[in-house]
């Protein structure tokens, strides 16, 4: 079990890194925008856990590579329904975590070409749009009990 716990923590690092970098970008823009982003991230994750994870084969089980299946079971009851359909309908809930900091970061460097903001935005883009998807597909997805019915694996 401890190996599984270590595994899901490792597989969740890209997402945590994305939201951390996104938070930094947003708080650099303004404190209210940073708070807004944190709220969007929290609401998005709860939506994901409630509408997607509850229909997954790894719901409530340590075999979930991200650990979200376990977290989901703490807050939500298992739901019947097609995982694939639920995923397609509800994945938007976490996309804001990528696109809000991207849009605000681009706006900020247009207004003020601060080298630190530019560097942070580049790192955010590399982590959120390159590293996270590659890490998920190469590590988490390959060992996921849901991979046979996942829209991202087909």
N, C-alpha and C. Protein backbone atom coordinates (compact mmCIF):
# COMPACT_ATOMS: atom_id res chain seq x y z
N UNK A 1 0.83 -1.20 0.00
CA UNK A 1 0.00 0.00 0.00
C UNK A 1 0.87 1.26 0.00
N UNK A 2 1.95 1.25 0.77
CA UNK A 2 2.79 2.45 0.79
C UNK A 2 3.41 2.72 -0.56
N UNK A 3 3.74 1.65 -1.29
CA UNK A 3 4.27 1.85 -2.64
C UNK A 3 3.26 2.51 -3.55
N UNK A 4 1.99 2.12 -3.39
CA UNK A 4 0.92 2.72 -4.18
C UNK A 4 0.76 4.20 -3.83
N UNK A 5 0.82 4.51 -2.52
CA UNK A 5 0.71 5.89 -2.08
C UNK A 5 1.82 6.75 -2.66
N UNK A 6 3.03 6.22 -2.65
CA UNK A 6 4.16 6.94 -3.24
C UNK A 6 3.93 7.11 -4.73
N UNK A 7 3.40 6.08 -5.38
CA UNK A 7 3.16 6.12 -6.82
C UNK A 7 2.19 7.25 -7.18
N UNK A 8 1.04 7.31 -6.49
CA UNK A 8 0.06 8.33 -6.88
C UNK A 8 0.57 9.72 -6.58
N UNK A 9 1.36 9.87 -5.54
CA UNK A 9 1.95 11.19 -5.27
C UNK A 9 2.88 11.57 -6.41
N UNK A 10 3.68 10.63 -6.88
CA UNK A 10 4.60 10.90 -7.97
C UNK A 10 3.84 11.25 -9.25
N UNK A 11 2.77 10.51 -9.53
CA UNK A 11 2.00 10.75 -10.75
C UNK A 11 1.19 12.05 -10.69
N UNK A 12 0.98 12.59 -9.50
CA UNK A 12 0.22 13.83 -9.34
C UNK A 12 1.11 15.07 -9.38
N UNK A 13 2.41 14.89 -9.29
CA UNK A 13 3.34 16.03 -9.30
C UNK A 13 3.15 16.94 -10.50
N UNK A 14 3.01 16.43 -11.74
CA UNK A 14 2.82 17.36 -12.88
C UNK A 14 1.60 18.26 -12.73
N UNK A 15 0.51 17.71 -12.21
CA UNK A 15 -0.69 18.53 -12.03
C UNK A 15 -0.49 19.55 -10.91
N UNK A 16 0.11 19.13 -9.82
CA UNK A 16 0.39 20.06 -8.73
C UNK A 16 1.34 21.17 -9.18
N UNK A 17 2.32 20.81 -9.99
CA UNK A 17 3.26 21.80 -10.52
C UNK A 17 2.54 22.79 -11.44
N UNK A 18 1.63 22.29 -12.26
CA UNK A 18 0.85 23.16 -13.15
C UNK A 18 0.03 24.16 -12.35
N UNK A 19 -0.69 23.68 -11.34
CA UNK A 19 -1.53 24.59 -10.57
C UNK A 19 -0.71 25.53 -9.69
N UNK A 20 0.46 25.08 -9.24
CA UNK A 20 1.35 25.97 -8.47
C UNK A 20 1.88 27.09 -9.35
N UNK A 21 2.36 26.74 -10.54
CA UNK A 21 2.86 27.76 -11.46
C UNK A 21 1.73 28.69 -11.91
N UNK A 22 0.56 28.10 -12.15
CA UNK A 22 -0.61 28.92 -12.51
C UNK A 22 -0.96 29.89 -11.40
N UNK A 23 -0.90 29.43 -10.16
CA UNK A 23 -1.18 30.31 -9.00
C UNK A 23 -0.18 31.45 -8.91
N UNK A 24 1.08 31.13 -9.12
CA UNK A 24 2.11 32.18 -9.08
C UNK A 24 1.85 33.23 -10.15
N UNK A 25 1.56 32.77 -11.37
CA UNK A 25 1.26 33.72 -12.46
C UNK A 25 0.05 34.59 -12.10
N UNK A 26 -0.96 33.97 -11.55
CA UNK A 26 -2.18 34.71 -11.24
C UNK A 26 -1.97 35.68 -10.08
N UNK A 27 -1.23 35.28 -9.06
CA UNK A 27 -0.96 36.19 -7.93
C UNK A 27 -0.01 37.32 -8.35
N UNK A 28 0.87 37.04 -9.33
CA UNK A 28 1.72 38.12 -9.85
C UNK A 28 0.86 39.16 -10.56
N UNK A 29 -0.21 38.72 -11.18
CA UNK A 29 -1.13 39.65 -11.84
C UNK A 29 -1.85 40.50 -10.80
N UNK A 30 -2.48 39.84 -9.82
CA UNK A 30 -3.15 40.53 -8.72
C UNK A 30 -3.60 39.52 -7.68
N UNK A 31 -3.74 39.97 -6.47
CA UNK A 31 -4.20 39.08 -5.39
C UNK A 31 -5.63 38.59 -5.66
N UNK A 32 -6.56 39.45 -6.07
CA UNK A 32 -7.91 38.94 -6.36
C UNK A 32 -7.91 37.87 -7.47
N UNK A 33 -7.09 38.05 -8.50
CA UNK A 33 -7.03 37.04 -9.57
C UNK A 33 -6.41 35.75 -9.06
N UNK A 34 -5.44 35.86 -8.18
CA UNK A 34 -4.85 34.67 -7.58
C UNK A 34 -5.86 33.90 -6.76
N UNK A 35 -6.64 34.61 -5.97
CA UNK A 35 -7.69 33.97 -5.17
C UNK A 35 -8.74 33.35 -6.08
N UNK A 36 -9.13 34.08 -7.12
CA UNK A 36 -10.09 33.57 -8.11
C UNK A 36 -9.57 32.26 -8.71
N UNK A 37 -8.31 32.23 -9.08
CA UNK A 37 -7.73 31.03 -9.68
C UNK A 37 -7.74 29.85 -8.70
N UNK A 38 -7.40 30.12 -7.45
CA UNK A 38 -7.43 29.05 -6.45
C UNK A 38 -8.85 28.49 -6.30
N UNK A 39 -9.84 29.37 -6.29
CA UNK A 39 -11.23 28.91 -6.19
C UNK A 39 -11.65 28.10 -7.42
N UNK A 40 -11.27 28.57 -8.60
CA UNK A 40 -11.58 27.84 -9.83
C UNK A 40 -10.92 26.46 -9.80
N UNK A 41 -9.69 26.40 -9.33
CA UNK A 41 -8.97 25.13 -9.26
C UNK A 41 -9.65 24.18 -8.28
N UNK A 42 -10.02 24.66 -7.11
CA UNK A 42 -10.67 23.82 -6.11
C UNK A 42 -12.02 23.33 -6.61
N UNK A 43 -12.83 24.24 -7.14
CA UNK A 43 -14.14 23.86 -7.67
C UNK A 43 -13.99 22.87 -8.82
N UNK A 44 -13.03 23.12 -9.70
CA UNK A 44 -12.79 22.22 -10.83
C UNK A 44 -12.40 20.82 -10.38
N UNK A 45 -11.57 20.74 -9.37
CA UNK A 45 -11.16 19.42 -8.89
C UNK A 45 -12.33 18.69 -8.25
N UNK A 46 -13.13 19.39 -7.44
CA UNK A 46 -14.29 18.74 -6.85
C UNK A 46 -15.27 18.28 -7.93
N UNK A 47 -15.44 19.09 -8.95
CA UNK A 47 -16.32 18.71 -10.07
C UNK A 47 -15.78 17.44 -10.73
N UNK A 48 -14.48 17.41 -10.99
CA UNK A 48 -13.82 16.26 -11.60
C UNK A 48 -14.03 15.01 -10.74
N UNK A 49 -13.76 15.13 -9.43
CA UNK A 49 -13.93 13.99 -8.52
C UNK A 49 -15.37 13.52 -8.47
N UNK A 50 -16.31 14.46 -8.50
CA UNK A 50 -17.72 14.12 -8.35
C UNK A 50 -18.39 13.58 -9.59
N UNK A 51 -17.97 14.05 -10.75
CA UNK A 51 -18.64 13.66 -11.98
C UNK A 51 -17.86 12.69 -12.86
N UNK A 52 -16.56 12.62 -12.69
CA UNK A 52 -15.73 11.71 -13.50
C UNK A 52 -15.23 10.55 -12.66
N UNK A 53 -14.54 10.85 -11.58
CA UNK A 53 -13.93 9.80 -10.76
C UNK A 53 -14.95 8.82 -10.19
N UNK A 54 -16.15 9.28 -9.93
CA UNK A 54 -17.18 8.42 -9.34
C UNK A 54 -17.66 7.34 -10.30
N UNK A 55 -17.31 7.44 -11.57
CA UNK A 55 -17.70 6.45 -12.57
C UNK A 55 -16.51 5.62 -13.07
N UNK A 56 -15.38 5.81 -12.44
CA UNK A 56 -14.13 5.16 -12.87
C UNK A 56 -13.96 3.80 -12.20
N UNK A 57 -13.29 2.88 -12.88
CA UNK A 57 -12.99 1.57 -12.31
C UNK A 57 -12.09 1.68 -11.08
N UNK A 58 -11.33 2.73 -10.96
CA UNK A 58 -10.41 2.90 -9.83
C UNK A 58 -11.01 3.74 -8.70
N UNK A 59 -12.29 4.03 -8.78
CA UNK A 59 -12.96 4.80 -7.73
C UNK A 59 -12.75 4.11 -6.38
N UNK A 60 -12.25 4.87 -5.41
CA UNK A 60 -12.07 4.36 -4.06
C UNK A 60 -11.00 3.31 -3.91
N UNK A 61 -10.15 3.16 -4.91
CA UNK A 61 -9.15 2.10 -4.89
C UNK A 61 -7.75 2.68 -5.07
N UNK A 62 -6.78 2.13 -4.35
CA UNK A 62 -5.41 2.64 -4.47
C UNK A 62 -4.76 2.40 -5.83
N UNK A 63 -5.42 1.67 -6.72
CA UNK A 63 -4.85 1.45 -8.06
C UNK A 63 -4.94 2.69 -8.94
N UNK A 64 -5.68 3.71 -8.50
CA UNK A 64 -5.79 4.95 -9.27
C UNK A 64 -4.41 5.64 -9.30
N UNK A 65 -3.82 5.82 -10.48
CA UNK A 65 -2.48 6.40 -10.55
C UNK A 65 -2.38 7.82 -10.00
N UNK A 66 -3.46 8.60 -10.11
CA UNK A 66 -3.41 9.98 -9.64
C UNK A 66 -3.79 10.11 -8.17
N UNK A 67 -4.45 9.10 -7.64
CA UNK A 67 -4.96 9.18 -6.28
C UNK A 67 -6.33 9.82 -6.20
N UNK A 68 -6.81 10.35 -7.32
CA UNK A 68 -8.09 11.04 -7.32
C UNK A 68 -9.25 10.10 -7.03
N UNK A 69 -9.12 8.83 -7.42
CA UNK A 69 -10.16 7.86 -7.13
C UNK A 69 -10.37 7.68 -5.64
N UNK A 70 -9.27 7.69 -4.88
CA UNK A 70 -9.36 7.59 -3.42
C UNK A 70 -9.96 8.88 -2.85
N UNK A 71 -9.46 10.02 -3.31
CA UNK A 71 -9.96 11.30 -2.81
C UNK A 71 -11.44 11.44 -3.11
N UNK A 72 -11.85 11.06 -4.31
CA UNK A 72 -13.25 11.15 -4.71
C UNK A 72 -14.14 10.38 -3.75
N UNK A 73 -13.69 9.21 -3.32
CA UNK A 73 -14.51 8.37 -2.44
C UNK A 73 -14.69 8.98 -1.05
N UNK A 74 -13.85 9.90 -0.67
CA UNK A 74 -14.00 10.58 0.62
C UNK A 74 -15.18 11.56 0.59
N UNK A 75 -15.48 12.10 -0.59
CA UNK A 75 -16.50 13.15 -0.70
C UNK A 75 -17.78 12.73 -1.43
N UNK A 76 -17.67 11.73 -2.32
CA UNK A 76 -18.79 11.39 -3.18
C UNK A 76 -19.05 9.89 -3.19
N UNK A 77 -20.32 9.54 -3.40
CA UNK A 77 -20.69 8.13 -3.56
C UNK A 77 -20.46 7.73 -5.01
N UNK A 78 -20.23 6.44 -5.20
CA UNK A 78 -20.04 5.91 -6.54
C UNK A 78 -21.31 6.15 -7.35
N UNK A 79 -21.15 6.47 -8.63
CA UNK A 79 -22.29 6.72 -9.52
C UNK A 79 -22.28 5.72 -10.66
N UNK A 80 -23.46 5.35 -11.08
CA UNK A 80 -23.59 4.52 -12.27
C UNK A 80 -23.46 5.41 -13.49
N UNK A 81 -23.11 4.80 -14.58
CA UNK A 81 -23.03 5.56 -15.82
C UNK A 81 -21.73 5.28 -16.55
N UNK A 82 -21.70 5.73 -17.76
CA UNK A 82 -20.59 5.51 -18.65
C UNK A 82 -19.44 6.47 -18.34
N UNK A 83 -18.30 5.92 -17.96
CA UNK A 83 -17.13 6.74 -17.65
C UNK A 83 -16.73 7.61 -18.84
N UNK A 84 -16.67 7.00 -19.99
CA UNK A 84 -16.23 7.70 -21.20
C UNK A 84 -17.10 8.93 -21.48
N UNK A 85 -18.39 8.75 -21.38
CA UNK A 85 -19.33 9.85 -21.60
C UNK A 85 -19.17 10.93 -20.51
N UNK A 86 -19.05 10.49 -19.26
CA UNK A 86 -18.88 11.42 -18.15
C UNK A 86 -17.58 12.21 -18.30
N UNK A 87 -16.54 11.53 -18.74
CA UNK A 87 -15.26 12.20 -18.95
C UNK A 87 -15.38 13.28 -20.01
N UNK A 88 -15.94 12.93 -21.14
CA UNK A 88 -16.08 13.89 -22.24
C UNK A 88 -16.94 15.09 -21.86
N UNK A 89 -17.99 14.85 -21.08
CA UNK A 89 -18.90 15.93 -20.69
C UNK A 89 -18.33 16.84 -19.61
N UNK A 90 -17.42 16.33 -18.79
CA UNK A 90 -17.00 17.06 -17.60
C UNK A 90 -15.53 17.44 -17.54
N UNK A 91 -14.74 17.07 -18.52
CA UNK A 91 -13.31 17.37 -18.47
C UNK A 91 -13.06 18.88 -18.50
N UNK A 92 -14.02 19.64 -19.01
CA UNK A 92 -13.88 21.10 -19.02
C UNK A 92 -13.61 21.65 -17.63
N UNK A 93 -14.04 20.94 -16.60
CA UNK A 93 -13.93 21.44 -15.23
C UNK A 93 -12.50 21.72 -14.80
N UNK A 94 -11.55 21.01 -15.40
CA UNK A 94 -10.15 21.26 -15.03
C UNK A 94 -9.38 22.03 -16.11
N UNK A 95 -9.98 22.22 -17.28
CA UNK A 95 -9.26 22.93 -18.34
C UNK A 95 -8.99 24.39 -17.99
N UNK A 96 -9.84 24.95 -17.14
CA UNK A 96 -9.64 26.34 -16.73
C UNK A 96 -8.30 26.51 -16.00
N UNK A 97 -7.83 25.44 -15.37
CA UNK A 97 -6.56 25.49 -14.64
C UNK A 97 -5.38 25.72 -15.59
N UNK A 98 -5.56 25.39 -16.86
CA UNK A 98 -4.52 25.61 -17.85
C UNK A 98 -4.70 26.94 -18.58
N UNK A 99 -5.93 27.23 -18.96
CA UNK A 99 -6.16 28.34 -19.88
C UNK A 99 -6.28 29.71 -19.22
N UNK A 100 -6.74 29.77 -18.00
CA UNK A 100 -6.81 31.07 -17.32
C UNK A 100 -5.41 31.64 -17.09
N UNK A 101 -4.47 30.89 -16.51
CA UNK A 101 -3.12 31.45 -16.33
C UNK A 101 -2.43 31.74 -17.67
N UNK A 102 -2.70 30.92 -18.67
CA UNK A 102 -2.12 31.16 -19.99
C UNK A 102 -2.59 32.51 -20.54
N UNK A 103 -3.89 32.75 -20.50
CA UNK A 103 -4.44 34.00 -21.03
C UNK A 103 -3.95 35.20 -20.22
N UNK A 104 -3.98 35.09 -18.90
CA UNK A 104 -3.54 36.20 -18.05
C UNK A 104 -2.03 36.42 -18.22
N UNK A 105 -1.27 35.35 -18.32
CA UNK A 105 0.18 35.47 -18.51
C UNK A 105 0.52 36.16 -19.82
N UNK A 106 -0.17 35.79 -20.90
CA UNK A 106 0.06 36.44 -22.20
C UNK A 106 -0.32 37.92 -22.11
N UNK A 107 -1.45 38.21 -21.52
CA UNK A 107 -1.88 39.60 -21.34
C UNK A 107 -0.81 40.38 -20.57
N UNK A 108 -0.33 39.80 -19.47
CA UNK A 108 0.67 40.49 -18.64
C UNK A 108 1.97 40.78 -19.37
N UNK A 109 2.43 39.84 -20.19
CA UNK A 109 3.70 40.12 -20.90
C UNK A 109 3.50 41.09 -22.06
N UNK A 110 2.29 41.20 -22.56
CA UNK A 110 2.01 42.22 -23.58
C UNK A 110 2.02 43.60 -22.93
N UNK A 111 1.44 43.70 -21.74
CA UNK A 111 1.38 44.97 -21.02
C UNK A 111 2.73 45.36 -20.44
N UNK A 112 3.44 44.36 -19.89
CA UNK A 112 4.73 44.62 -19.24
C UNK A 112 5.66 43.45 -19.55
N UNK A 113 6.63 43.67 -20.41
CA UNK A 113 7.52 42.60 -20.84
C UNK A 113 8.60 42.30 -19.80
N UNK A 114 8.16 42.00 -18.61
CA UNK A 114 9.05 41.64 -17.51
C UNK A 114 9.62 40.24 -17.77
N UNK A 115 10.94 40.12 -17.70
CA UNK A 115 11.62 38.87 -18.02
C UNK A 115 11.20 37.73 -17.08
N UNK A 116 10.92 38.04 -15.83
CA UNK A 116 10.51 37.01 -14.87
C UNK A 116 9.14 36.45 -15.26
N UNK A 117 8.22 37.32 -15.65
CA UNK A 117 6.89 36.86 -16.10
C UNK A 117 7.02 36.02 -17.37
N UNK A 118 7.86 36.47 -18.28
CA UNK A 118 8.05 35.71 -19.52
C UNK A 118 8.61 34.33 -19.22
N UNK A 119 9.64 34.28 -18.38
CA UNK A 119 10.24 32.99 -18.02
C UNK A 119 9.24 32.08 -17.32
N UNK A 120 8.48 32.65 -16.39
CA UNK A 120 7.49 31.87 -15.66
C UNK A 120 6.40 31.35 -16.60
N UNK A 121 5.97 32.19 -17.53
CA UNK A 121 4.95 31.77 -18.49
C UNK A 121 5.48 30.65 -19.37
N UNK A 122 6.71 30.75 -19.81
CA UNK A 122 7.31 29.68 -20.63
C UNK A 122 7.38 28.38 -19.84
N UNK A 123 7.81 28.45 -18.60
CA UNK A 123 7.87 27.25 -17.77
C UNK A 123 6.47 26.67 -17.56
N UNK A 124 5.49 27.54 -17.28
CA UNK A 124 4.11 27.09 -17.12
C UNK A 124 3.63 26.37 -18.39
N UNK A 125 3.87 26.95 -19.55
CA UNK A 125 3.45 26.34 -20.82
C UNK A 125 4.11 24.97 -21.00
N UNK A 126 5.39 24.89 -20.73
CA UNK A 126 6.10 23.61 -20.88
C UNK A 126 5.57 22.55 -19.92
N UNK A 127 5.30 22.95 -18.69
CA UNK A 127 4.79 21.99 -17.70
C UNK A 127 3.35 21.60 -18.02
N UNK A 128 2.49 22.59 -18.22
CA UNK A 128 1.06 22.33 -18.39
C UNK A 128 0.70 21.67 -19.72
N UNK A 129 1.36 22.08 -20.79
CA UNK A 129 0.96 21.62 -22.11
C UNK A 129 1.89 20.59 -22.74
N UNK A 130 3.05 20.35 -22.12
CA UNK A 130 3.97 19.35 -22.65
C UNK A 130 4.24 18.27 -21.60
N UNK A 131 4.83 18.66 -20.47
CA UNK A 131 5.22 17.69 -19.45
C UNK A 131 4.03 16.93 -18.86
N UNK A 132 2.99 17.64 -18.44
CA UNK A 132 1.85 16.98 -17.81
C UNK A 132 1.19 15.96 -18.74
N UNK A 133 0.83 16.32 -19.97
CA UNK A 133 0.21 15.31 -20.84
C UNK A 133 1.13 14.12 -21.15
N UNK A 134 2.41 14.39 -21.37
CA UNK A 134 3.33 13.29 -21.64
C UNK A 134 3.50 12.40 -20.42
N UNK A 135 3.63 12.99 -19.25
CA UNK A 135 3.79 12.22 -18.03
C UNK A 135 2.55 11.37 -17.76
N UNK A 136 1.38 11.96 -17.97
CA UNK A 136 0.13 11.22 -17.74
C UNK A 136 0.03 10.02 -18.68
N UNK A 137 0.30 10.25 -19.94
CA UNK A 137 0.17 9.15 -20.91
C UNK A 137 1.24 8.08 -20.73
N UNK A 138 2.45 8.49 -20.38
CA UNK A 138 3.54 7.53 -20.26
C UNK A 138 3.56 6.82 -18.92
N UNK A 139 3.14 7.49 -17.86
CA UNK A 139 3.20 6.87 -16.53
C UNK A 139 1.82 6.47 -16.04
N UNK A 140 0.99 7.46 -15.76
CA UNK A 140 -0.30 7.20 -15.13
C UNK A 140 -1.25 6.39 -16.00
N UNK A 141 -1.40 6.78 -17.24
CA UNK A 141 -2.38 6.14 -18.11
C UNK A 141 -2.06 4.66 -18.36
N UNK A 142 -0.79 4.33 -18.50
CA UNK A 142 -0.42 2.96 -18.81
C UNK A 142 -0.79 1.98 -17.70
N UNK A 143 -0.85 2.45 -16.46
CA UNK A 143 -1.18 1.56 -15.35
C UNK A 143 -2.60 1.79 -14.82
N UNK A 144 -3.37 2.62 -15.49
CA UNK A 144 -4.71 2.97 -15.01
C UNK A 144 -5.71 1.84 -15.30
N UNK A 145 -6.50 1.45 -14.30
CA UNK A 145 -7.52 0.42 -14.53
C UNK A 145 -8.61 0.86 -15.51
N UNK A 146 -8.71 2.14 -15.80
CA UNK A 146 -9.75 2.67 -16.68
C UNK A 146 -9.27 2.81 -18.12
N UNK A 147 -8.00 2.50 -18.39
CA UNK A 147 -7.41 2.81 -19.70
C UNK A 147 -8.14 2.20 -20.89
N UNK A 148 -8.82 1.08 -20.70
CA UNK A 148 -9.54 0.47 -21.80
C UNK A 148 -10.77 1.24 -22.23
N UNK A 149 -11.25 2.13 -21.38
CA UNK A 149 -12.46 2.89 -21.68
C UNK A 149 -12.22 4.38 -21.51
N UNK A 150 -11.01 4.83 -21.77
CA UNK A 150 -10.68 6.24 -21.58
C UNK A 150 -10.60 6.97 -22.91
N UNK A 151 -11.24 8.11 -23.03
CA UNK A 151 -11.19 8.88 -24.27
C UNK A 151 -9.77 9.31 -24.65
N UNK A 152 -8.89 9.47 -23.69
CA UNK A 152 -7.53 9.93 -24.00
C UNK A 152 -6.63 8.82 -24.51
N UNK A 153 -6.95 7.58 -24.22
CA UNK A 153 -6.09 6.47 -24.62
C UNK A 153 -6.44 5.93 -25.99
N UNK A 154 -7.56 6.32 -26.53
CA UNK A 154 -7.97 5.77 -27.84
C UNK A 154 -7.69 6.74 -28.93
